Amino acid sequence: MSDSQTISAAVAKLYNTYPFPPEPLLDEPPPGYNWRWNWLAAYNFCTGQKPSQKNVRILDAGCGTGVGTEYLVHLNPEASVVGIDLSSGALAVAQERCQKSGATG
């Protein structure tokens, strides 16, 4: 096993044991509004322009338990959002979180 595989396995084991972030699961959309998770607002902030399309693909790399993924899905209804993580345990929580709140999981 290479050094990077050993490190990846150790990180996955840590987050399978202690899924992060440990936010509660809700049966409703996430509370509040966070402009950083809104494609239109973030694009405008970074470029000073309005994006030419809303139906973008968003990758949440290292999504953990899906707290940010849930915001991305709810605040970008025309986008396709995919969350990935080394931890299968955290991904299972992320999928449950998004299903419970009405986001596609």
N, C-alpha and C. Protein backbone atom coordinates (compact mmCIF):
# COMPACT_ATOMS: atom_id res chain seq x y z
N MET A 1 0.85 -1.17 0.00
CA MET A 1 0.00 0.00 0.00
C MET A 1 0.90 1.24 0.00
N SER A 2 0.59 2.21 -0.87
CA SER A 2 1.40 3.43 -0.93
C SER A 2 1.11 4.34 0.26
N ASP A 3 1.97 5.33 0.45
CA ASP A 3 1.77 6.29 1.56
C ASP A 3 0.43 7.00 1.43
N SER A 4 0.07 7.41 0.21
CA SER A 4 -1.20 8.14 0.04
C SER A 4 -2.40 7.23 0.31
N GLN A 5 -2.30 5.96 -0.04
CA GLN A 5 -3.38 5.02 0.27
C GLN A 5 -3.50 4.78 1.77
N THR A 6 -2.36 4.71 2.45
CA THR A 6 -2.35 4.53 3.90
C THR A 6 -2.99 5.73 4.59
N ILE A 7 -2.64 6.92 4.12
CA ILE A 7 -3.21 8.15 4.70
C ILE A 7 -4.70 8.21 4.42
N SER A 8 -5.12 7.92 3.20
CA SER A 8 -6.55 7.93 2.85
C SER A 8 -7.33 6.95 3.70
N ALA A 9 -6.79 5.77 3.91
CA ALA A 9 -7.46 4.76 4.74
C ALA A 9 -7.58 5.24 6.19
N ALA A 10 -6.53 5.88 6.70
CA ALA A 10 -6.56 6.40 8.08
C ALA A 10 -7.59 7.52 8.22
N VAL A 11 -7.66 8.40 7.22
CA VAL A 11 -8.65 9.49 7.25
C VAL A 11 -10.07 8.92 7.19
N ALA A 12 -10.29 7.97 6.30
CA ALA A 12 -11.61 7.34 6.19
C ALA A 12 -12.00 6.68 7.50
N LYS A 13 -11.06 5.98 8.14
CA LYS A 13 -11.35 5.32 9.41
C LYS A 13 -11.73 6.33 10.49
N LEU A 14 -10.99 7.45 10.54
CA LEU A 14 -11.29 8.50 11.52
C LEU A 14 -12.71 9.03 11.34
N TYR A 15 -13.07 9.37 10.09
CA TYR A 15 -14.40 9.96 9.85
C TYR A 15 -15.51 8.92 9.83
N ASN A 16 -15.19 7.65 9.65
CA ASN A 16 -16.20 6.61 9.84
C ASN A 16 -16.52 6.47 11.33
N THR A 17 -15.52 6.67 12.16
CA THR A 17 -15.70 6.59 13.61
C THR A 17 -16.37 7.85 14.16
N TYR A 18 -15.95 9.01 13.66
CA TYR A 18 -16.46 10.30 14.13
C TYR A 18 -16.93 11.14 12.94
N PRO A 19 -18.12 10.82 12.36
CA PRO A 19 -18.59 11.58 11.21
C PRO A 19 -18.65 13.08 11.51
N PHE A 20 -18.22 13.89 10.54
CA PHE A 20 -18.13 15.34 10.74
C PHE A 20 -18.76 16.05 9.56
N PRO A 21 -19.41 17.16 9.78
CA PRO A 21 -19.76 17.74 11.08
C PRO A 21 -20.94 17.00 11.71
N PRO A 22 -20.99 17.00 13.03
CA PRO A 22 -22.01 16.23 13.75
C PRO A 22 -23.33 17.00 13.92
N GLU A 23 -23.76 17.69 12.88
CA GLU A 23 -25.01 18.47 12.96
C GLU A 23 -26.20 17.53 12.98
N PRO A 24 -27.29 17.93 13.66
CA PRO A 24 -28.49 17.09 13.71
C PRO A 24 -29.16 16.98 12.34
N LEU A 25 -29.85 15.86 12.11
CA LEU A 25 -30.63 15.67 10.89
C LEU A 25 -32.00 16.30 11.10
N LEU A 26 -32.50 17.01 10.10
CA LEU A 26 -33.78 17.69 10.19
C LEU A 26 -34.73 17.16 9.13
N ASP A 27 -36.02 17.25 9.41
CA ASP A 27 -37.04 16.86 8.45
C ASP A 27 -37.54 18.07 7.66
N GLU A 28 -36.65 19.01 7.40
CA GLU A 28 -36.98 20.24 6.68
C GLU A 28 -35.71 20.80 6.07
N PRO A 29 -35.83 21.78 5.17
CA PRO A 29 -34.63 22.38 4.58
C PRO A 29 -33.73 22.97 5.66
N PRO A 30 -32.44 23.16 5.33
CA PRO A 30 -31.52 23.70 6.33
C PRO A 30 -31.94 25.10 6.77
N PRO A 31 -31.63 25.45 8.01
CA PRO A 31 -32.07 26.75 8.54
C PRO A 31 -31.25 27.90 7.97
N GLY A 32 -31.91 29.02 7.72
CA GLY A 32 -31.20 30.22 7.30
C GLY A 32 -30.73 30.19 5.87
N TYR A 33 -29.98 31.20 5.54
CA TYR A 33 -29.46 31.36 4.19
C TYR A 33 -27.97 31.61 4.29
N ASN A 34 -27.20 30.99 3.46
CA ASN A 34 -25.75 31.18 3.44
C ASN A 34 -25.35 31.47 2.00
N TRP A 35 -25.00 32.71 1.68
CA TRP A 35 -24.70 33.10 0.31
C TRP A 35 -23.59 32.27 -0.32
N ARG A 36 -22.67 31.75 0.48
CA ARG A 36 -21.56 30.97 -0.09
C ARG A 36 -22.03 29.69 -0.77
N TRP A 37 -23.22 29.20 -0.39
CA TRP A 37 -23.73 27.96 -0.98
C TRP A 37 -24.66 28.23 -2.16
N ASN A 38 -24.89 29.50 -2.48
CA ASN A 38 -25.77 29.86 -3.59
C ASN A 38 -24.90 30.18 -4.81
N TRP A 39 -25.05 29.39 -5.87
CA TRP A 39 -24.23 29.53 -7.07
C TRP A 39 -24.29 30.96 -7.63
N LEU A 40 -25.48 31.53 -7.76
CA LEU A 40 -25.62 32.86 -8.33
C LEU A 40 -24.89 33.92 -7.49
N ALA A 41 -25.08 33.86 -6.17
CA ALA A 41 -24.45 34.84 -5.29
C ALA A 41 -22.93 34.67 -5.27
N ALA A 42 -22.46 33.44 -5.19
CA ALA A 42 -21.01 33.19 -5.14
C ALA A 42 -20.34 33.60 -6.45
N TYR A 43 -20.96 33.27 -7.57
CA TYR A 43 -20.41 33.64 -8.88
C TYR A 43 -20.33 35.15 -9.00
N ASN A 44 -21.41 35.83 -8.62
CA ASN A 44 -21.44 37.29 -8.68
C ASN A 44 -20.39 37.90 -7.77
N PHE A 45 -20.23 37.36 -6.57
CA PHE A 45 -19.23 37.86 -5.63
C PHE A 45 -17.83 37.73 -6.21
N CYS A 46 -17.54 36.59 -6.83
CA CYS A 46 -16.19 36.33 -7.34
C CYS A 46 -15.88 37.05 -8.65
N THR A 47 -16.89 37.26 -9.49
CA THR A 47 -16.63 37.82 -10.82
C THR A 47 -17.23 39.20 -11.04
N GLY A 48 -18.20 39.58 -10.21
CA GLY A 48 -18.91 40.84 -10.42
C GLY A 48 -19.90 40.77 -11.56
N GLN A 49 -20.21 39.56 -12.01
CA GLN A 49 -21.12 39.35 -13.13
C GLN A 49 -22.20 38.35 -12.77
N LYS A 50 -23.26 38.36 -13.56
CA LYS A 50 -24.32 37.36 -13.41
C LYS A 50 -23.91 36.15 -14.26
N PRO A 51 -24.03 34.93 -13.71
CA PRO A 51 -23.66 33.75 -14.51
C PRO A 51 -24.60 33.58 -15.69
N SER A 52 -24.09 32.97 -16.75
CA SER A 52 -24.90 32.78 -17.95
C SER A 52 -25.87 31.61 -17.83
N GLN A 53 -25.70 30.76 -16.83
CA GLN A 53 -26.61 29.62 -16.67
C GLN A 53 -26.77 29.27 -15.20
N LYS A 54 -27.90 28.61 -14.90
CA LYS A 54 -28.18 28.17 -13.53
C LYS A 54 -28.06 26.66 -13.39
N ASN A 55 -28.17 25.95 -14.51
CA ASN A 55 -28.16 24.48 -14.47
C ASN A 55 -26.72 23.96 -14.54
N VAL A 56 -25.96 24.27 -13.52
CA VAL A 56 -24.55 23.87 -13.45
C VAL A 56 -24.40 22.56 -12.68
N ARG A 57 -23.22 21.98 -12.75
CA ARG A 57 -22.88 20.81 -11.94
C ARG A 57 -21.97 21.29 -10.82
N ILE A 58 -22.31 20.92 -9.58
CA ILE A 58 -21.53 21.34 -8.42
C ILE A 58 -21.00 20.09 -7.72
N LEU A 59 -19.70 20.06 -7.48
CA LEU A 59 -19.05 18.96 -6.77
C LEU A 59 -18.71 19.44 -5.36
N ASP A 60 -19.22 18.72 -4.37
CA ASP A 60 -18.88 19.00 -2.97
C ASP A 60 -17.86 17.94 -2.56
N ALA A 61 -16.58 18.22 -2.81
CA ALA A 61 -15.51 17.27 -2.51
C ALA A 61 -15.16 17.33 -1.03
N GLY A 62 -15.20 16.19 -0.37
CA GLY A 62 -14.98 16.16 1.08
C GLY A 62 -16.23 16.63 1.80
N CYS A 63 -17.38 16.16 1.35
CA CYS A 63 -18.67 16.65 1.86
C CYS A 63 -18.98 16.24 3.29
N GLY A 64 -18.26 15.27 3.82
CA GLY A 64 -18.53 14.85 5.20
C GLY A 64 -19.97 14.39 5.35
N THR A 65 -20.65 14.86 6.38
CA THR A 65 -22.02 14.43 6.66
C THR A 65 -23.06 15.22 5.87
N GLY A 66 -22.63 16.03 4.92
CA GLY A 66 -23.55 16.67 3.99
C GLY A 66 -24.19 17.97 4.42
N VAL A 67 -23.65 18.63 5.44
CA VAL A 67 -24.24 19.89 5.89
C VAL A 67 -24.18 20.92 4.75
N GLY A 68 -23.01 21.07 4.14
CA GLY A 68 -22.88 21.99 3.01
C GLY A 68 -23.60 21.49 1.78
N THR A 69 -23.59 20.19 1.56
CA THR A 69 -24.26 19.60 0.41
C THR A 69 -25.75 19.91 0.45
N GLU A 70 -26.32 19.80 1.63
CA GLU A 70 -27.74 20.08 1.81
C GLU A 70 -28.05 21.53 1.42
N TYR A 71 -27.23 22.48 1.86
CA TYR A 71 -27.41 23.88 1.46
C TYR A 71 -27.27 24.02 -0.06
N LEU A 72 -26.25 23.38 -0.64
CA LEU A 72 -26.05 23.48 -2.08
C LEU A 72 -27.28 23.01 -2.85
N VAL A 73 -27.86 21.90 -2.43
CA VAL A 73 -29.03 21.36 -3.12
C VAL A 73 -30.23 22.30 -2.98
N HIS A 74 -30.49 22.77 -1.77
CA HIS A 74 -31.67 23.61 -1.53
C HIS A 74 -31.53 25.02 -2.13
N LEU A 75 -30.32 25.56 -2.16
CA LEU A 75 -30.14 26.92 -2.66
C LEU A 75 -29.83 26.99 -4.16
N ASN A 76 -29.69 25.84 -4.79
CA ASN A 76 -29.40 25.78 -6.22
C ASN A 76 -30.29 24.73 -6.88
N PRO A 77 -31.61 24.97 -6.90
CA PRO A 77 -32.54 23.93 -7.35
C PRO A 77 -32.36 23.51 -8.81
N GLU A 78 -31.73 24.31 -9.63
CA GLU A 78 -31.53 23.95 -11.03
C GLU A 78 -30.20 23.26 -11.27
N ALA A 79 -29.37 23.17 -10.24
CA ALA A 79 -28.04 22.56 -10.37
C ALA A 79 -28.09 21.07 -10.07
N SER A 80 -27.10 20.37 -10.57
CA SER A 80 -26.88 18.97 -10.22
C SER A 80 -25.74 18.94 -9.21
N VAL A 81 -26.01 18.47 -8.00
CA VAL A 81 -25.03 18.49 -6.91
C VAL A 81 -24.60 17.07 -6.58
N VAL A 82 -23.29 16.86 -6.49
CA VAL A 82 -22.74 15.56 -6.12
C VAL A 82 -21.78 15.76 -4.95
N GLY A 83 -21.95 14.99 -3.89
CA GLY A 83 -21.05 15.02 -2.75
C GLY A 83 -20.21 13.76 -2.72
N ILE A 84 -18.91 13.92 -2.49
CA ILE A 84 -18.02 12.76 -2.35
C ILE A 84 -17.21 12.92 -1.07
N ASP A 85 -16.81 11.78 -0.50
CA ASP A 85 -16.01 11.80 0.71
C ASP A 85 -15.31 10.45 0.85
N LEU A 86 -14.17 10.43 1.53
CA LEU A 86 -13.45 9.18 1.79
C LEU A 86 -14.21 8.28 2.76
N SER A 87 -15.03 8.87 3.60
CA SER A 87 -15.71 8.13 4.65
C SER A 87 -17.08 7.64 4.20
N SER A 88 -17.25 6.33 4.11
CA SER A 88 -18.56 5.78 3.74
C SER A 88 -19.59 6.06 4.83
N GLY A 89 -19.15 6.11 6.08
CA GLY A 89 -20.06 6.43 7.18
C GLY A 89 -20.58 7.85 7.09
N ALA A 90 -19.71 8.80 6.80
CA ALA A 90 -20.14 10.19 6.63
C ALA A 90 -21.05 10.32 5.42
N LEU A 91 -20.74 9.62 4.33
CA LEU A 91 -21.59 9.67 3.14
C LEU A 91 -22.99 9.13 3.43
N ALA A 92 -23.07 8.09 4.24
CA ALA A 92 -24.39 7.55 4.60
C ALA A 92 -25.20 8.58 5.37
N VAL A 93 -24.56 9.32 6.27
CA VAL A 93 -25.23 10.39 7.01
C VAL A 93 -25.65 11.49 6.04
N ALA A 94 -24.77 11.85 5.10
CA ALA A 94 -25.08 12.90 4.12
C ALA A 94 -26.29 12.52 3.28
N GLN A 95 -26.34 11.27 2.85
CA GLN A 95 -27.48 10.81 2.05
C GLN A 95 -28.76 10.87 2.87
N GLU A 96 -28.70 10.41 4.12
CA GLU A 96 -29.88 10.46 4.98
C GLU A 96 -30.30 11.91 5.23
N ARG A 97 -29.34 12.79 5.48
CA ARG A 97 -29.63 14.20 5.72
C ARG A 97 -30.38 14.81 4.53
N CYS A 98 -29.87 14.57 3.33
CA CYS A 98 -30.49 15.15 2.15
C CYS A 98 -31.86 14.55 1.86
N GLN A 99 -32.02 13.27 2.12
CA GLN A 99 -33.34 12.64 1.93
C GLN A 99 -34.36 13.18 2.93
N LYS A 100 -33.96 13.31 4.20
CA LYS A 100 -34.88 13.78 5.24
C LYS A 100 -35.34 15.22 5.01
N SER A 101 -34.45 16.05 4.47
CA SER A 101 -34.78 17.47 4.30
C SER A 101 -35.45 17.76 2.97
N GLY A 102 -35.66 16.73 2.16
CA GLY A 102 -36.34 16.93 0.89
C GLY A 102 -35.41 17.19 -0.28
N ALA A 103 -34.12 17.14 -0.03
CA ALA A 103 -33.15 17.27 -1.13
C ALA A 103 -33.00 15.89 -1.78
N THR A 104 -32.60 15.86 -3.00
CA THR A 104 -32.35 14.55 -3.62
C THR A 104 -31.08 14.00 -3.04
N GLY A 105 -31.01 12.71 -2.77
CA GLY A 105 -29.84 12.14 -2.13
C GLY A 105 -29.30 11.04 -2.93
